[in-house]
Protein backbone atom coordinates (compact mmCIF):
# COMPACT_ATOMS: atom_id res chain seq x y z
CA MET A 1 14.25 -26.88 9.91
CA ARG A 2 15.25 -23.61 10.69
CA ASN A 3 17.89 -23.03 8.12
CA GLY A 4 15.22 -24.05 5.52
CA ARG A 5 13.04 -21.58 6.92
CA ASP A 6 15.37 -18.69 7.03
CA GLU A 7 16.71 -19.60 2.97
CA ALA A 8 13.18 -19.76 2.21
CA PHE A 9 12.38 -16.46 3.63
CA THR A 10 15.73 -14.69 2.59
CA ALA A 11 14.32 -15.54 -0.96
CA PHE A 12 11.50 -14.08 -0.26
CA MET A 13 12.54 -10.98 0.98
CA ALA A 14 15.22 -10.48 -1.79
CA ALA A 15 12.55 -11.24 -4.40
CA ARG A 16 9.48 -9.21 -3.45
CA TYR A 17 11.01 -6.30 -1.21
CA GLY A 18 11.12 -3.85 -4.05
CA SER A 19 7.43 -4.59 -4.79
CA LEU A 20 6.63 -4.46 -1.15
CA LEU A 21 8.64 -0.76 -0.39
CA ARG A 22 6.70 0.26 -3.48
CA THR A 23 3.22 -0.31 -1.73
CA ALA A 24 4.59 0.85 1.47
CA THR A 25 5.50 3.77 -0.35
CA LEU A 26 2.18 4.46 -1.51
CA LEU A 27 0.75 3.85 1.77
CA THR A 28 2.81 6.14 3.54
CA GLY A 29 2.21 9.15 0.96
CA GLY A 30 5.61 9.14 -0.10
CA GLY A 31 7.91 9.36 2.61
CA ARG A 32 10.59 6.78 2.21
CA SER A 33 11.86 6.72 5.67
CA ARG A 34 8.33 5.40 7.01
CA ALA A 35 8.02 3.46 3.87
CA GLU A 36 11.13 1.36 4.84
CA ASP A 37 10.07 1.40 8.58
CA LEU A 38 6.24 0.07 7.78
CA ALA A 39 7.64 -2.64 5.36
CA GLN A 40 10.55 -3.70 7.46
CA GLU A 41 8.14 -4.43 10.13
CA ALA A 42 5.19 -6.12 8.19
CA LEU A 43 8.17 -7.87 7.12
CA LEU A 44 9.50 -9.31 10.89
CA ARG A 45 6.18 -10.13 11.44
CA THR A 46 5.91 -12.24 8.40
CA TYR A 47 9.27 -14.18 9.10
CA ARG A 48 7.50 -15.08 12.76
CA ALA A 49 4.42 -16.27 11.28
CA TRP A 50 6.88 -17.84 8.28
CA HIS A 51 5.69 -21.60 9.48
CA ARG A 52 1.93 -20.82 8.95
CA ILE A 53 2.48 -19.19 6.05
CA GLY A 54 3.52 -22.22 3.36
CA ARG A 55 3.57 -20.62 -0.08
CA LEU A 56 5.61 -17.67 -1.53
CA ASP A 57 2.56 -15.73 -2.93
CA ALA A 58 0.53 -16.40 0.32
CA ALA A 59 3.50 -14.72 1.92
CA GLU A 60 3.57 -11.68 -0.30
CA ALA A 61 -0.37 -10.83 0.19
CA TYR A 62 0.43 -11.71 4.07
CA THR A 63 2.72 -9.23 4.01
CA ARG A 64 0.66 -7.07 2.09
CA THR A 65 -2.19 -7.07 4.46
CA THR A 66 -0.04 -6.59 7.48
CA MET A 67 1.45 -3.54 6.18
CA VAL A 68 -1.92 -2.17 5.60
CA ARG A 69 -3.28 -3.12 9.26
CA LEU A 70 0.01 -1.47 10.94
CA LEU A 71 -0.42 1.62 8.83
CA ILE A 72 -4.60 1.76 9.81
CA LYS A 73 -3.74 1.17 13.74
CA ASP A 74 -0.93 3.26 14.08
CA ARG A 75 -2.84 6.13 12.27
CA ARG A 76 -5.44 5.32 14.90
CA ARG A 77 -3.70 6.12 17.59
CA HIS A 78 -2.31 9.20 16.09
CA TRP A 79 0.82 8.79 17.25
CA HIS A 80 4.07 9.38 14.96
CA ALA A 81 7.51 9.05 17.05
CA GLU A 82 9.16 11.29 13.54
CA ILE A 83 7.98 14.57 12.61
CA PRO A 84 9.73 15.77 9.37
CA ALA A 85 10.84 19.34 9.57
CA GLU A 86 10.76 19.17 5.84
CA ARG A 87 10.01 17.04 2.80
CA MET A 88 13.46 15.91 0.89
CA PRO A 89 13.33 16.74 -2.50
CA GLU A 90 13.00 14.75 -4.81
CA ILE A 91 16.34 13.74 -7.16
CA PRO A 92 15.29 13.27 -10.97
CA ARG A 93 17.36 11.01 -13.16
CA PRO A 94 17.90 12.38 -16.54
CA GLY A 95 15.00 11.65 -18.85
CA HIS A 96 12.36 10.84 -16.31
CA GLU A 97 10.77 14.13 -15.21
CA ASP A 98 7.76 13.66 -16.43
CA GLN A 99 8.12 10.40 -14.18
CA VAL A 100 9.17 12.06 -11.44
CA THR A 101 6.54 15.01 -11.53
CA THR A 102 3.73 12.36 -11.84
CA ALA A 103 5.02 10.27 -8.75
CA VAL A 104 5.35 12.92 -6.55
CA ALA A 105 2.11 14.54 -7.64
CA VAL A 106 0.21 10.74 -7.19
CA ARG A 107 2.14 10.65 -3.66
CA GLU A 108 1.25 13.92 -2.51
CA LEU A 109 -2.63 13.34 -3.84
CA LEU A 110 -2.60 10.17 -1.84
CA GLN A 111 -1.34 11.79 1.36
CA THR A 112 -4.18 14.12 1.31
CA LEU A 113 -6.92 10.80 1.96
CA SER A 114 -7.65 8.87 4.90
CA PRO A 115 -5.22 5.56 5.26
CA ALA A 116 -8.05 3.60 4.73
CA GLN A 117 -9.28 4.94 1.09
CA ARG A 118 -5.38 5.02 0.47
CA ALA A 119 -5.01 1.20 0.87
CA VAL A 120 -8.40 1.03 -1.12
CA LEU A 121 -6.59 2.81 -4.02
CA VAL A 122 -3.36 1.16 -3.44
CA LEU A 123 -4.58 -2.21 -3.46
CA ARG A 124 -7.06 -1.83 -6.18
CA PHE A 125 -5.38 -0.05 -9.15
CA TYR A 126 -1.48 -0.50 -8.12
CA HIS A 127 -2.00 -4.55 -7.13
CA GLN A 128 -5.37 -4.72 -9.32
CA LEU A 129 -7.02 -6.37 -6.09
CA THR A 130 -10.91 -6.99 -6.45
CA GLU A 131 -13.16 -5.88 -4.05
CA ARG A 132 -13.70 -9.05 -2.16
CA GLU A 133 -9.80 -9.10 -1.82
CA ILE A 134 -9.24 -6.02 -1.03
CA ALA A 135 -12.17 -6.65 1.85
CA ASP A 136 -10.53 -9.95 3.22
CA VAL A 137 -6.93 -7.52 3.71
CA LEU A 138 -8.79 -4.38 5.28
CA GLY A 139 -11.13 -6.83 7.31
CA CYS A 140 -14.31 -5.05 6.45
CA SER A 141 -17.18 -5.98 3.98
CA PRO A 142 -16.90 -5.36 0.44
CA GLY A 143 -19.83 -2.54 0.85
CA THR A 144 -17.17 -0.76 2.62
CA VAL A 145 -14.77 -1.41 0.30
CA LYS A 146 -16.68 0.12 -2.51
CA SER A 147 -17.80 3.41 -0.11
CA ARG A 148 -13.98 4.04 0.64
CA ALA A 149 -13.44 3.80 -3.04
CA ALA A 150 -15.78 6.13 -4.21
CA ARG A 151 -15.24 8.72 -1.57
CA ALA A 152 -11.68 8.54 -2.42
CA LEU A 153 -12.35 8.53 -6.35
CA ALA A 154 -14.69 11.66 -5.27
CA ALA A 155 -11.82 13.67 -3.39
CA LEU A 156 -9.17 13.01 -5.97
CA ARG A 157 -11.96 14.45 -8.70
CA ASP A 158 -12.52 17.58 -6.37
CA LYS A 159 -8.59 17.88 -6.41
CA GLY A 160 -8.70 17.67 -10.50
CA PHE A 161 -6.70 14.60 -10.69
CA VAL A 162 -9.16 11.90 -11.41
CA THR A 163 -11.47 12.88 -14.63
CA ALA A 164 -14.61 11.91 -14.84
CA SER A 165 -14.02 9.80 -17.89
CA VAL A 166 -12.36 7.42 -15.14
CA PRO A 167 -14.76 5.20 -13.93
CA ASP A 168 -15.26 4.42 -10.29
CA ARG A 169 -15.31 0.62 -10.93
CA GLU A 170 -12.08 0.12 -12.84
CA ARG A 171 -12.94 -4.05 -12.75
CA GLY A 172 -15.92 -5.90 -11.82
CA SER A 173 -15.64 -8.34 -8.97
CA ALA A 174 -18.26 -11.86 -7.98
CA ASP A 175 -19.78 -9.95 -5.67
CA ASP A 176 -21.33 -7.44 -7.95
């Protein structure tokens, strides 16, 4: 039984690690080392709960939820083991300068938001989850998700990143 579990988890991790790491990078505000730590801790917890999860799509949702909750829990404690001395510069790839510039700008802007606001935007716009799904991940009400999203988008508008043409509610949900 354990070999089957290990094989299934290894297959899941091989297939989804890149996506989970991108999510962790967005959630942490771009620090590669912090993102890797977050993704790995969430994967460890997913492995421990593997026998309860059952399906691969459920495993990804479980891992994503775990990452968000770990990030928020860590921020609530205001404890950071590592304090970066300075930011490492992005290494641009030929032909990707605009993408690198945009990615850096997005990460820097996301870093200015609270972890809860950042989580709402990442889950909403990167993972395309509904307000109800985000509420389930964060363990709060859909109304709280709406208010966090509105405040986050307003903060980004104040910084000139989100224009008035981007609606606050990109997708409707069943609870509207």
